[in-house]
Amino acid sequence: MVADPDTVRGRLLAAGARPGFAGLMLDRRYDRGGELVARDEVLRLRSFRDSEGNESARLGWKGPTGISPEGYKTRRELEYEIRGAHASPAALLAVLGMEETFRIDRYVEHYHLGDTVARLEWYPRMDVLIEVEGDAAGIESALRVIGIPRAEFTAEALPAFAARYAARTGRPPVLALDPASGERPSWESR
């Protein structure tokens, strides 16, 4: 959990981090009758929308999750960029018998520290989180810059953070946009 995203952003920029993509990141997970979840695999379509209306997408597969002896999350990943104004990977997935099983929508800001990426994430209703991806040395260096004590940085999956939010606040987290709810997403007040 990131209590003060502005401070974290400032620390990253002061350390020379290069800003990357900032905007909506919309994840849609697909499965066919629970086949993938049974193998601890994920098939994800991730769409990006920036403030100028530019869009792109990536189709990715993630293999089973592991934890390294040092406590880092490990997972084999394959990812492919989807190009073209009318590209519809969702239609391809449907033809293959895949159904959308889960949605995650968030506003993100990417920061690059060498080969390491730190990503601030705002969900419709939940704590602000930061994900750090890279090799072990890059992750440790980024944590020092961000100011998160090593003991507080975990390899847990999103459901663990969501459960802690619900227990602490007494409110269920909201991980996907629901225009019918009338609730403004948290990033609109950042």
N, C-alpha and C. Protein backbone atom coordinates (compact mmCIF):
# COMPACT_ATOMS: atom_id res chain seq x y z
N MET A 1 0.85 -1.17 0.00
CA MET A 1 0.00 0.00 0.00
C MET A 1 0.90 1.24 0.00
N VAL A 2 0.51 2.22 -0.80
CA VAL A 2 1.25 3.47 -0.90
C VAL A 2 0.41 4.57 -0.25
N ALA A 3 0.85 5.04 0.91
CA ALA A 3 0.09 6.06 1.64
C ALA A 3 0.16 7.42 0.96
N ASP A 4 1.28 7.74 0.31
CA ASP A 4 1.46 9.06 -0.29
C ASP A 4 2.08 8.92 -1.68
N PRO A 5 1.24 8.71 -2.71
CA PRO A 5 1.77 8.54 -4.07
C PRO A 5 2.59 9.73 -4.56
N ASP A 6 2.24 10.95 -4.15
CA ASP A 6 3.00 12.13 -4.60
C ASP A 6 4.44 12.06 -4.11
N THR A 7 4.64 11.62 -2.86
CA THR A 7 6.00 11.49 -2.33
C THR A 7 6.77 10.42 -3.08
N VAL A 8 6.13 9.28 -3.35
CA VAL A 8 6.79 8.21 -4.09
C VAL A 8 7.16 8.69 -5.49
N ARG A 9 6.24 9.34 -6.17
CA ARG A 9 6.51 9.88 -7.50
C ARG A 9 7.71 10.83 -7.45
N GLY A 10 7.72 11.73 -6.46
CA GLY A 10 8.82 12.68 -6.32
C GLY A 10 10.15 11.99 -6.09
N ARG A 11 10.17 10.95 -5.27
CA ARG A 11 11.41 10.21 -5.02
C ARG A 11 11.91 9.53 -6.29
N LEU A 12 10.98 8.95 -7.04
CA LEU A 12 11.38 8.29 -8.29
C LEU A 12 11.99 9.30 -9.26
N LEU A 13 11.31 10.43 -9.43
CA LEU A 13 11.82 11.44 -10.37
C LEU A 13 13.14 12.02 -9.90
N ALA A 14 13.29 12.26 -8.59
CA ALA A 14 14.54 12.79 -8.05
C ALA A 14 15.70 11.82 -8.25
N ALA A 15 15.39 10.51 -8.30
CA ALA A 15 16.42 9.49 -8.52
C ALA A 15 16.73 9.28 -10.00
N GLY A 16 16.08 10.06 -10.86
CA GLY A 16 16.34 9.95 -12.30
C GLY A 16 15.44 9.00 -13.05
N ALA A 17 14.35 8.56 -12.43
CA ALA A 17 13.43 7.66 -13.14
C ALA A 17 12.82 8.38 -14.33
N ARG A 18 12.69 7.66 -15.43
CA ARG A 18 12.06 8.21 -16.63
C ARG A 18 10.58 7.85 -16.60
N PRO A 19 9.69 8.86 -16.68
CA PRO A 19 8.25 8.55 -16.74
C PRO A 19 7.94 7.79 -18.03
N GLY A 20 7.04 6.84 -17.91
CA GLY A 20 6.58 6.09 -19.08
C GLY A 20 5.10 6.30 -19.24
N PHE A 21 4.40 5.26 -19.64
CA PHE A 21 2.96 5.34 -19.86
C PHE A 21 2.23 5.80 -18.60
N ALA A 22 1.26 6.68 -18.80
CA ALA A 22 0.34 7.08 -17.73
C ALA A 22 -1.05 7.10 -18.34
N GLY A 23 -1.98 6.42 -17.70
CA GLY A 23 -3.35 6.36 -18.20
C GLY A 23 -4.05 5.13 -17.67
N LEU A 24 -5.15 4.77 -18.33
CA LEU A 24 -5.93 3.60 -17.92
C LEU A 24 -5.28 2.32 -18.44
N MET A 25 -5.24 1.33 -17.58
CA MET A 25 -4.78 0.00 -17.95
C MET A 25 -5.93 -0.94 -17.59
N LEU A 26 -6.52 -1.55 -18.61
CA LEU A 26 -7.70 -2.38 -18.44
C LEU A 26 -7.33 -3.83 -18.73
N ASP A 27 -7.44 -4.68 -17.72
CA ASP A 27 -7.12 -6.10 -17.87
C ASP A 27 -8.38 -6.92 -17.97
N ARG A 28 -8.41 -7.85 -18.91
CA ARG A 28 -9.48 -8.82 -19.04
C ARG A 28 -8.83 -10.19 -19.07
N ARG A 29 -9.25 -11.03 -18.14
CA ARG A 29 -8.71 -12.39 -18.09
C ARG A 29 -9.70 -13.34 -18.75
N TYR A 30 -9.14 -14.34 -19.43
CA TYR A 30 -9.94 -15.29 -20.18
C TYR A 30 -9.59 -16.71 -19.76
N ASP A 31 -10.58 -17.59 -19.88
CA ASP A 31 -10.37 -18.99 -19.58
C ASP A 31 -11.41 -19.79 -20.36
N ARG A 32 -11.21 -21.09 -20.41
CA ARG A 32 -12.16 -21.99 -21.08
C ARG A 32 -12.50 -23.08 -20.08
N GLY A 33 -13.64 -22.88 -19.41
CA GLY A 33 -14.10 -23.89 -18.46
C GLY A 33 -13.16 -24.11 -17.28
N GLY A 34 -12.39 -23.12 -16.92
CA GLY A 34 -11.50 -23.25 -15.77
C GLY A 34 -10.19 -23.97 -16.04
N GLU A 35 -9.90 -24.26 -17.32
CA GLU A 35 -8.68 -25.00 -17.66
C GLU A 35 -7.42 -24.27 -17.18
N LEU A 36 -7.35 -22.98 -17.46
CA LEU A 36 -6.14 -22.23 -17.13
C LEU A 36 -5.98 -22.03 -15.63
N VAL A 37 -7.04 -21.64 -14.97
CA VAL A 37 -6.95 -21.41 -13.53
C VAL A 37 -6.56 -22.71 -12.81
N ALA A 38 -6.98 -23.85 -13.30
CA ALA A 38 -6.63 -25.13 -12.69
C ALA A 38 -5.13 -25.40 -12.78
N ARG A 39 -4.48 -24.80 -13.78
CA ARG A 39 -3.03 -24.97 -13.96
C ARG A 39 -2.25 -23.76 -13.43
N ASP A 40 -2.94 -22.83 -12.74
CA ASP A 40 -2.33 -21.58 -12.25
C ASP A 40 -1.73 -20.78 -13.40
N GLU A 41 -2.45 -20.72 -14.51
CA GLU A 41 -2.05 -19.94 -15.66
C GLU A 41 -3.05 -18.81 -15.88
N VAL A 42 -2.62 -17.78 -16.58
CA VAL A 42 -3.48 -16.64 -16.88
C VAL A 42 -3.36 -16.31 -18.35
N LEU A 43 -4.49 -16.07 -19.00
CA LEU A 43 -4.53 -15.52 -20.35
C LEU A 43 -5.18 -14.15 -20.20
N ARG A 44 -4.42 -13.11 -20.55
CA ARG A 44 -4.88 -11.75 -20.27
C ARG A 44 -4.79 -10.89 -21.52
N LEU A 45 -5.85 -10.10 -21.72
CA LEU A 45 -5.85 -9.04 -22.72
C LEU A 45 -5.74 -7.74 -21.95
N ARG A 46 -4.68 -7.00 -22.17
CA ARG A 46 -4.44 -5.74 -21.46
C ARG A 46 -4.51 -4.60 -22.46
N SER A 47 -5.41 -3.65 -22.20
CA SER A 47 -5.57 -2.47 -23.04
C SER A 47 -5.08 -1.24 -22.31
N PHE A 48 -4.46 -0.34 -23.05
CA PHE A 48 -3.93 0.91 -22.50
C PHE A 48 -4.62 2.08 -23.19
N ARG A 49 -5.05 3.08 -22.40
CA ARG A 49 -5.65 4.29 -22.95
C ARG A 49 -5.04 5.49 -22.25
N ASP A 50 -4.36 6.35 -23.03
CA ASP A 50 -3.78 7.53 -22.41
C ASP A 50 -4.75 8.70 -22.44
N SER A 51 -4.34 9.82 -21.86
CA SER A 51 -5.24 10.97 -21.73
C SER A 51 -5.58 11.61 -23.07
N GLU A 52 -4.82 11.32 -24.11
CA GLU A 52 -5.12 11.87 -25.44
C GLU A 52 -5.97 10.93 -26.27
N GLY A 53 -6.40 9.81 -25.70
CA GLY A 53 -7.27 8.89 -26.41
C GLY A 53 -6.54 7.84 -27.22
N ASN A 54 -5.21 7.78 -27.13
CA ASN A 54 -4.45 6.75 -27.83
C ASN A 54 -4.66 5.42 -27.13
N GLU A 55 -4.81 4.37 -27.93
CA GLU A 55 -5.04 3.03 -27.36
C GLU A 55 -4.07 2.03 -27.95
N SER A 56 -3.71 1.06 -27.15
CA SER A 56 -2.94 -0.08 -27.60
C SER A 56 -3.35 -1.27 -26.75
N ALA A 57 -2.93 -2.47 -27.18
CA ALA A 57 -3.32 -3.67 -26.44
C ALA A 57 -2.20 -4.70 -26.50
N ARG A 58 -2.19 -5.57 -25.50
CA ARG A 58 -1.25 -6.68 -25.46
C ARG A 58 -1.99 -7.93 -25.00
N LEU A 59 -1.71 -9.02 -25.67
CA LEU A 59 -2.26 -10.32 -25.28
C LEU A 59 -1.13 -11.09 -24.63
N GLY A 60 -1.38 -11.60 -23.43
CA GLY A 60 -0.31 -12.27 -22.72
C GLY A 60 -0.76 -13.54 -22.02
N TRP A 61 0.20 -14.43 -21.84
CA TRP A 61 0.02 -15.66 -21.08
C TRP A 61 1.01 -15.63 -19.93
N LYS A 62 0.55 -16.07 -18.75
CA LYS A 62 1.43 -16.18 -17.59
C LYS A 62 1.37 -17.62 -17.09
N GLY A 63 2.53 -18.19 -16.86
CA GLY A 63 2.61 -19.55 -16.34
C GLY A 63 2.40 -19.58 -14.84
N PRO A 64 2.54 -20.77 -14.26
CA PRO A 64 2.35 -20.92 -12.82
C PRO A 64 3.27 -20.01 -12.01
N THR A 65 2.75 -19.54 -10.88
CA THR A 65 3.48 -18.63 -10.00
C THR A 65 4.43 -19.40 -9.11
N GLY A 66 5.60 -18.82 -8.93
CA GLY A 66 6.57 -19.36 -7.99
C GLY A 66 7.11 -18.22 -7.14
N ILE A 67 7.79 -18.56 -6.07
CA ILE A 67 8.45 -17.58 -5.22
C ILE A 67 9.91 -18.02 -5.12
N SER A 68 10.81 -17.11 -5.45
CA SER A 68 12.24 -17.42 -5.37
C SER A 68 12.66 -17.55 -3.90
N PRO A 69 13.81 -18.15 -3.63
CA PRO A 69 14.29 -18.25 -2.25
C PRO A 69 14.44 -16.87 -1.57
N GLU A 70 14.65 -15.84 -2.37
CA GLU A 70 14.79 -14.48 -1.83
C GLU A 70 13.44 -13.80 -1.62
N GLY A 71 12.34 -14.45 -2.00
CA GLY A 71 11.01 -13.89 -1.79
C GLY A 71 10.44 -13.12 -2.95
N TYR A 72 11.03 -13.23 -4.14
CA TYR A 72 10.52 -12.55 -5.33
C TYR A 72 9.53 -13.45 -6.06
N LYS A 73 8.48 -12.85 -6.59
CA LYS A 73 7.51 -13.60 -7.39
C LYS A 73 8.16 -13.92 -8.73
N THR A 74 8.03 -15.15 -9.16
CA THR A 74 8.56 -15.57 -10.46
C THR A 74 7.43 -16.18 -11.26
N ARG A 75 7.46 -15.93 -12.55
CA ARG A 75 6.40 -16.46 -13.40
C ARG A 75 6.85 -16.30 -14.86
N ARG A 76 6.80 -17.36 -15.63
CA ARG A 76 7.11 -17.26 -17.05
C ARG A 76 5.98 -16.48 -17.73
N GLU A 77 6.35 -15.56 -18.62
CA GLU A 77 5.35 -14.75 -19.31
C GLU A 77 5.67 -14.65 -20.79
N LEU A 78 4.63 -14.70 -21.60
CA LEU A 78 4.72 -14.43 -23.03
C LEU A 78 3.73 -13.32 -23.32
N GLU A 79 4.16 -12.31 -24.07
CA GLU A 79 3.26 -11.18 -24.33
C GLU A 79 3.46 -10.69 -25.75
N TYR A 80 2.34 -10.32 -26.39
CA TYR A 80 2.36 -9.90 -27.78
C TYR A 80 1.55 -8.63 -27.95
N GLU A 81 2.14 -7.67 -28.64
CA GLU A 81 1.44 -6.41 -28.90
C GLU A 81 0.40 -6.62 -30.00
N ILE A 82 -0.77 -6.03 -29.80
CA ILE A 82 -1.85 -6.11 -30.78
C ILE A 82 -1.88 -4.76 -31.50
N ARG A 83 -1.80 -4.79 -32.80
CA ARG A 83 -1.77 -3.54 -33.57
C ARG A 83 -2.97 -3.45 -34.50
N GLY A 84 -3.26 -2.24 -34.90
CA GLY A 84 -4.32 -2.00 -35.86
C GLY A 84 -5.54 -1.40 -35.21
N ALA A 85 -6.10 -0.41 -35.89
CA ALA A 85 -7.24 0.31 -35.33
C ALA A 85 -8.45 -0.59 -35.09
N HIS A 86 -8.58 -1.64 -35.88
CA HIS A 86 -9.76 -2.50 -35.74
C HIS A 86 -9.41 -3.90 -35.23
N ALA A 87 -8.23 -4.03 -34.65
CA ALA A 87 -7.83 -5.32 -34.11
C ALA A 87 -8.76 -5.69 -32.96
N SER A 88 -9.24 -6.92 -32.98
CA SER A 88 -10.18 -7.34 -31.95
C SER A 88 -9.74 -8.68 -31.38
N PRO A 89 -8.74 -8.68 -30.50
CA PRO A 89 -8.33 -9.96 -29.94
C PRO A 89 -9.42 -10.61 -29.11
N ALA A 90 -10.35 -9.84 -28.55
CA ALA A 90 -11.44 -10.43 -27.79
C ALA A 90 -12.28 -11.33 -28.69
N ALA A 91 -12.49 -10.92 -29.94
CA ALA A 91 -13.26 -11.75 -30.88
C ALA A 91 -12.51 -13.05 -31.19
N LEU A 92 -11.20 -12.97 -31.35
CA LEU A 92 -10.39 -14.17 -31.59
C LEU A 92 -10.49 -15.12 -30.40
N LEU A 93 -10.39 -14.58 -29.20
CA LEU A 93 -10.49 -15.42 -28.01
C LEU A 93 -11.85 -16.09 -27.92
N ALA A 94 -12.91 -15.38 -28.27
CA ALA A 94 -14.25 -15.96 -28.25
C ALA A 94 -14.37 -17.12 -29.24
N VAL A 95 -13.81 -16.95 -30.42
CA VAL A 95 -13.84 -18.01 -31.43
C VAL A 95 -13.12 -19.26 -30.93
N LEU A 96 -12.10 -19.05 -30.10
CA LEU A 96 -11.34 -20.17 -29.54
C LEU A 96 -11.99 -20.77 -28.30
N GLY A 97 -13.18 -20.27 -27.96
CA GLY A 97 -13.91 -20.82 -26.81
C GLY A 97 -13.54 -20.21 -25.48
N MET A 98 -12.79 -19.11 -25.51
CA MET A 98 -12.40 -18.45 -24.26
C MET A 98 -13.49 -17.46 -23.84
N GLU A 99 -13.72 -17.40 -22.55
CA GLU A 99 -14.70 -16.46 -22.00
C GLU A 99 -14.01 -15.53 -21.02
N GLU A 100 -14.47 -14.29 -21.00
CA GLU A 100 -13.94 -13.35 -20.02
C GLU A 100 -14.36 -13.81 -18.63
N THR A 101 -13.39 -13.91 -17.73
CA THR A 101 -13.67 -14.40 -16.38
C THR A 101 -13.39 -13.39 -15.28
N PHE A 102 -12.62 -12.34 -15.59
CA PHE A 102 -12.24 -11.39 -14.54
C PHE A 102 -11.82 -10.08 -15.18
N ARG A 103 -12.14 -8.97 -14.49
CA ARG A 103 -11.77 -7.63 -14.97
C ARG A 103 -11.00 -6.90 -13.88
N ILE A 104 -9.97 -6.19 -14.29
CA ILE A 104 -9.25 -5.28 -13.39
C ILE A 104 -9.00 -4.00 -14.18
N ASP A 105 -9.47 -2.89 -13.63
CA ASP A 105 -9.27 -1.59 -14.27
C ASP A 105 -8.52 -0.69 -13.29
N ARG A 106 -7.54 0.01 -13.80
CA ARG A 106 -6.80 0.92 -12.93
C ARG A 106 -6.13 2.02 -13.74
N TYR A 107 -5.87 3.11 -13.04
CA TYR A 107 -5.07 4.19 -13.61
C TYR A 107 -3.64 3.92 -13.15
N VAL A 108 -2.68 3.98 -14.06
CA VAL A 108 -1.30 3.65 -13.71
C VAL A 108 -0.34 4.74 -14.19
N GLU A 109 0.78 4.82 -13.50
CA GLU A 109 1.91 5.64 -13.92
C GLU A 109 3.15 4.76 -13.86
N HIS A 110 3.84 4.63 -15.02
CA HIS A 110 5.07 3.82 -15.08
C HIS A 110 6.29 4.72 -14.92
N TYR A 111 7.28 4.23 -14.18
CA TYR A 111 8.57 4.92 -14.02
C TYR A 111 9.68 3.90 -14.24
N HIS A 112 10.65 4.27 -15.07
CA HIS A 112 11.75 3.38 -15.43
C HIS A 112 13.03 3.81 -14.74
N LEU A 113 13.58 2.90 -13.94
CA LEU A 113 14.88 3.08 -13.30
C LEU A 113 15.81 2.04 -13.91
N GLY A 114 16.52 2.42 -14.96
CA GLY A 114 17.32 1.43 -15.69
C GLY A 114 16.38 0.41 -16.31
N ASP A 115 16.63 -0.87 -16.03
CA ASP A 115 15.78 -1.94 -16.56
C ASP A 115 14.63 -2.30 -15.62
N THR A 116 14.52 -1.59 -14.50
CA THR A 116 13.47 -1.85 -13.52
C THR A 116 12.31 -0.89 -13.74
N VAL A 117 11.09 -1.40 -13.60
CA VAL A 117 9.89 -0.58 -13.76
C VAL A 117 9.13 -0.55 -12.44
N ALA A 118 8.81 0.68 -12.01
CA ALA A 118 7.94 0.87 -10.84
C ALA A 118 6.62 1.42 -11.37
N ARG A 119 5.51 0.82 -10.97
CA ARG A 119 4.21 1.22 -11.49
C ARG A 119 3.27 1.56 -10.34
N LEU A 120 2.91 2.84 -10.21
CA LEU A 120 1.89 3.26 -9.26
C LEU A 120 0.53 2.89 -9.84
N GLU A 121 -0.37 2.35 -9.00
CA GLU A 121 -1.66 1.86 -9.47
C GLU A 121 -2.80 2.36 -8.58
N TRP A 122 -3.77 3.03 -9.20
CA TRP A 122 -5.00 3.46 -8.52
C TRP A 122 -6.14 2.59 -9.05
N TYR A 123 -6.90 1.97 -8.15
CA TYR A 123 -8.04 1.14 -8.50
C TYR A 123 -9.32 1.95 -8.29
N PRO A 124 -10.46 1.52 -8.85
CA PRO A 124 -11.69 2.29 -8.64
C PRO A 124 -11.98 2.55 -7.16
N ARG A 125 -11.83 1.54 -6.32
CA ARG A 125 -11.95 1.74 -4.87
C ARG A 125 -11.05 0.74 -4.17
N MET A 126 -9.89 1.21 -3.78
CA MET A 126 -8.95 0.40 -3.02
C MET A 126 -7.72 1.26 -2.76
N ASP A 127 -6.78 0.71 -2.00
CA ASP A 127 -5.53 1.40 -1.73
C ASP A 127 -4.75 1.59 -3.02
N VAL A 128 -3.91 2.62 -3.04
CA VAL A 128 -2.95 2.79 -4.12
C VAL A 128 -1.82 1.79 -3.86
N LEU A 129 -1.42 1.08 -4.90
CA LEU A 129 -0.34 0.09 -4.79
C LEU A 129 0.81 0.49 -5.70
N ILE A 130 1.95 -0.12 -5.47
CA ILE A 130 3.08 0.03 -6.39
C ILE A 130 3.61 -1.36 -6.70
N GLU A 131 3.82 -1.62 -7.98
CA GLU A 131 4.41 -2.88 -8.42
C GLU A 131 5.79 -2.55 -8.96
N VAL A 132 6.76 -3.37 -8.58
CA VAL A 132 8.13 -3.18 -9.04
C VAL A 132 8.55 -4.46 -9.75
N GLU A 133 9.00 -4.31 -11.01
CA GLU A 133 9.42 -5.46 -11.80
C GLU A 133 10.84 -5.25 -12.29
N GLY A 134 11.63 -6.29 -12.20
CA GLY A 134 13.02 -6.24 -12.67
C GLY A 134 13.78 -7.38 -12.05
N ASP A 135 15.11 -7.32 -12.19
CA ASP A 135 15.92 -8.34 -11.53
C ASP A 135 16.05 -7.99 -10.05
N ALA A 136 16.60 -8.90 -9.27
CA ALA A 136 16.67 -8.72 -7.81
C ALA A 136 17.38 -7.42 -7.43
N ALA A 137 18.51 -7.14 -8.04
CA ALA A 137 19.25 -5.92 -7.69
C ALA A 137 18.45 -4.67 -8.04
N GLY A 138 17.78 -4.68 -9.19
CA GLY A 138 16.97 -3.54 -9.60
C GLY A 138 15.79 -3.32 -8.67
N ILE A 139 15.14 -4.40 -8.24
CA ILE A 139 14.01 -4.29 -7.32
C ILE A 139 14.48 -3.70 -5.99
N GLU A 140 15.59 -4.21 -5.46
CA GLU A 140 16.10 -3.71 -4.18
C GLU A 140 16.48 -2.24 -4.28
N SER A 141 17.09 -1.85 -5.38
CA SER A 141 17.46 -0.44 -5.59
C SER A 141 16.22 0.44 -5.66
N ALA A 142 15.20 -0.01 -6.39
CA ALA A 142 13.96 0.76 -6.51
C ALA A 142 13.26 0.90 -5.16
N LEU A 143 13.28 -0.15 -4.35
CA LEU A 143 12.65 -0.08 -3.03
C LEU A 143 13.33 0.97 -2.15
N ARG A 144 14.66 1.06 -2.25
CA ARG A 144 15.37 2.09 -1.48
C ARG A 144 14.96 3.48 -1.94
N VAL A 145 14.83 3.67 -3.25
CA VAL A 145 14.42 4.97 -3.80
C VAL A 145 13.00 5.30 -3.34
N ILE A 146 12.10 4.35 -3.46
CA ILE A 146 10.69 4.56 -3.13
C ILE A 146 10.51 4.80 -1.63
N GLY A 147 11.36 4.18 -0.83
CA GLY A 147 11.27 4.36 0.62
C GLY A 147 10.38 3.34 1.31
N ILE A 148 10.11 2.23 0.65
CA ILE A 148 9.32 1.16 1.26
C ILE A 148 10.28 0.23 2.00
N PRO A 149 10.07 0.01 3.30
CA PRO A 149 10.91 -0.95 4.01
C PRO A 149 10.79 -2.34 3.35
N ARG A 150 11.89 -3.03 3.21
CA ARG A 150 11.91 -4.32 2.54
C ARG A 150 10.88 -5.28 3.13
N ALA A 151 10.70 -5.23 4.44
CA ALA A 151 9.76 -6.15 5.10
C ALA A 151 8.31 -5.90 4.67
N GLU A 152 8.01 -4.70 4.16
CA GLU A 152 6.64 -4.37 3.74
C GLU A 152 6.38 -4.67 2.27
N PHE A 153 7.42 -4.99 1.52
CA PHE A 153 7.27 -5.29 0.10
C PHE A 153 7.08 -6.79 -0.04
N THR A 154 5.97 -7.19 -0.66
CA THR A 154 5.66 -8.62 -0.75
C THR A 154 5.43 -9.05 -2.19
N ALA A 155 5.45 -10.34 -2.39
CA ALA A 155 5.16 -10.93 -3.70
C ALA A 155 3.71 -11.40 -3.77
N GLU A 156 2.87 -10.91 -2.87
CA GLU A 156 1.47 -11.34 -2.83
C GLU A 156 0.72 -10.90 -4.08
N ALA A 157 -0.33 -11.63 -4.39
CA ALA A 157 -1.20 -11.29 -5.52
C ALA A 157 -2.26 -10.28 -5.07
N LEU A 158 -2.90 -9.65 -6.03
CA LEU A 158 -3.89 -8.62 -5.78
C LEU A 158 -4.98 -9.03 -4.78
N PRO A 159 -5.50 -10.26 -4.80
CA PRO A 159 -6.53 -10.61 -3.82
C PRO A 159 -6.12 -10.41 -2.36
N ALA A 160 -4.85 -10.58 -2.04
CA ALA A 160 -4.40 -10.38 -0.66
C ALA A 160 -4.50 -8.90 -0.27
N PHE A 161 -4.12 -8.01 -1.18
CA PHE A 161 -4.23 -6.57 -0.91
C PHE A 161 -5.71 -6.17 -0.79
N ALA A 162 -6.55 -6.75 -1.66
CA ALA A 162 -7.98 -6.45 -1.63
C ALA A 162 -8.60 -6.90 -0.31
N ALA A 163 -8.21 -8.06 0.17
CA ALA A 163 -8.74 -8.57 1.44
C ALA A 163 -8.32 -7.68 2.61
N ARG A 164 -7.08 -7.22 2.60
CA ARG A 164 -6.63 -6.31 3.67
C ARG A 164 -7.37 -4.99 3.64
N TYR A 165 -7.64 -4.49 2.44
CA TYR A 165 -8.40 -3.25 2.32
C TYR A 165 -9.80 -3.43 2.92
N ALA A 166 -10.46 -4.52 2.57
CA ALA A 166 -11.82 -4.79 3.07
C ALA A 166 -11.81 -4.94 4.59
N ALA A 167 -10.83 -5.64 5.13
CA ALA A 167 -10.76 -5.84 6.58
C ALA A 167 -10.50 -4.52 7.30
N ARG A 168 -9.65 -3.68 6.74
CA ARG A 168 -9.30 -2.41 7.38
C ARG A 168 -10.41 -1.38 7.30
N THR A 169 -11.12 -1.32 6.15
CA THR A 169 -12.10 -0.25 5.92
C THR A 169 -13.54 -0.69 6.16
N GLY A 170 -13.79 -1.99 6.12
CA GLY A 170 -15.17 -2.48 6.21
C GLY A 170 -15.94 -2.30 4.92
N ARG A 171 -15.26 -1.92 3.86
CA ARG A 171 -15.88 -1.74 2.54
C ARG A 171 -15.23 -2.69 1.54
N PRO A 172 -16.01 -3.25 0.64
CA PRO A 172 -15.39 -4.12 -0.36
C PRO A 172 -14.59 -3.28 -1.36
N PRO A 173 -13.46 -3.79 -1.80
CA PRO A 173 -12.73 -3.08 -2.85
C PRO A 173 -13.50 -3.19 -4.16
N VAL A 174 -13.26 -2.25 -5.04
CA VAL A 174 -13.82 -2.30 -6.39
C VAL A 174 -12.61 -2.29 -7.33
N LEU A 175 -12.46 -3.35 -8.11
CA LEU A 175 -11.30 -3.50 -8.97
C LEU A 175 -11.61 -3.24 -10.44
N ALA A 176 -12.88 -3.10 -10.80
CA ALA A 176 -13.25 -2.85 -12.19
C ALA A 176 -14.28 -1.72 -12.24
N LEU A 177 -14.17 -0.92 -13.26
CA LEU A 177 -15.10 0.19 -13.44
C LEU A 177 -16.53 -0.33 -13.62
N ASP A 178 -17.47 0.37 -13.02
CA ASP A 178 -18.89 0.06 -13.17
C ASP A 178 -19.62 1.39 -13.32
N PRO A 179 -19.78 1.87 -14.57
CA PRO A 179 -20.43 3.16 -14.77
C PRO A 179 -21.83 3.23 -14.18
N ALA A 180 -22.51 2.10 -14.07
CA ALA A 180 -23.87 2.09 -13.53
C ALA A 180 -23.90 2.39 -12.03
N SER A 181 -22.77 2.22 -11.34
CA SER A 181 -22.74 2.43 -9.89
C SER A 181 -22.82 3.91 -9.52
N GLY A 182 -22.41 4.77 -10.42
CA GLY A 182 -22.39 6.20 -10.13
C GLY A 182 -21.21 6.62 -9.25
N GLU A 183 -20.39 5.67 -8.81
CA GLU A 183 -19.22 5.97 -7.97
C GLU A 183 -18.04 6.39 -8.84
N ARG A 184 -17.43 7.50 -8.47
CA ARG A 184 -16.25 7.97 -9.20
C ARG A 184 -15.05 7.13 -8.80
N PRO A 185 -14.21 6.74 -9.77
CA PRO A 185 -13.01 5.97 -9.42
C PRO A 185 -12.02 6.83 -8.63
N SER A 186 -11.24 6.18 -7.79
CA SER A 186 -10.33 6.86 -6.88
C SER A 186 -9.34 7.78 -7.60
N TRP A 187 -8.92 7.41 -8.82
CA TRP A 187 -7.91 8.22 -9.51
C TRP A 187 -8.43 9.59 -9.93
N GLU A 188 -9.74 9.77 -9.95
CA GLU A 188 -10.26 11.09 -10.31
C GLU A 188 -10.01 12.11 -9.21
N SER A 189 -9.63 11.66 -8.03
CA SER A 189 -9.35 12.59 -6.94
C SER A 189 -7.88 12.58 -6.56
N ARG A 190 -7.03 12.04 -7.43
CA ARG A 190 -5.59 11.98 -7.08
C ARG A 190 -4.92 13.30 -7.21
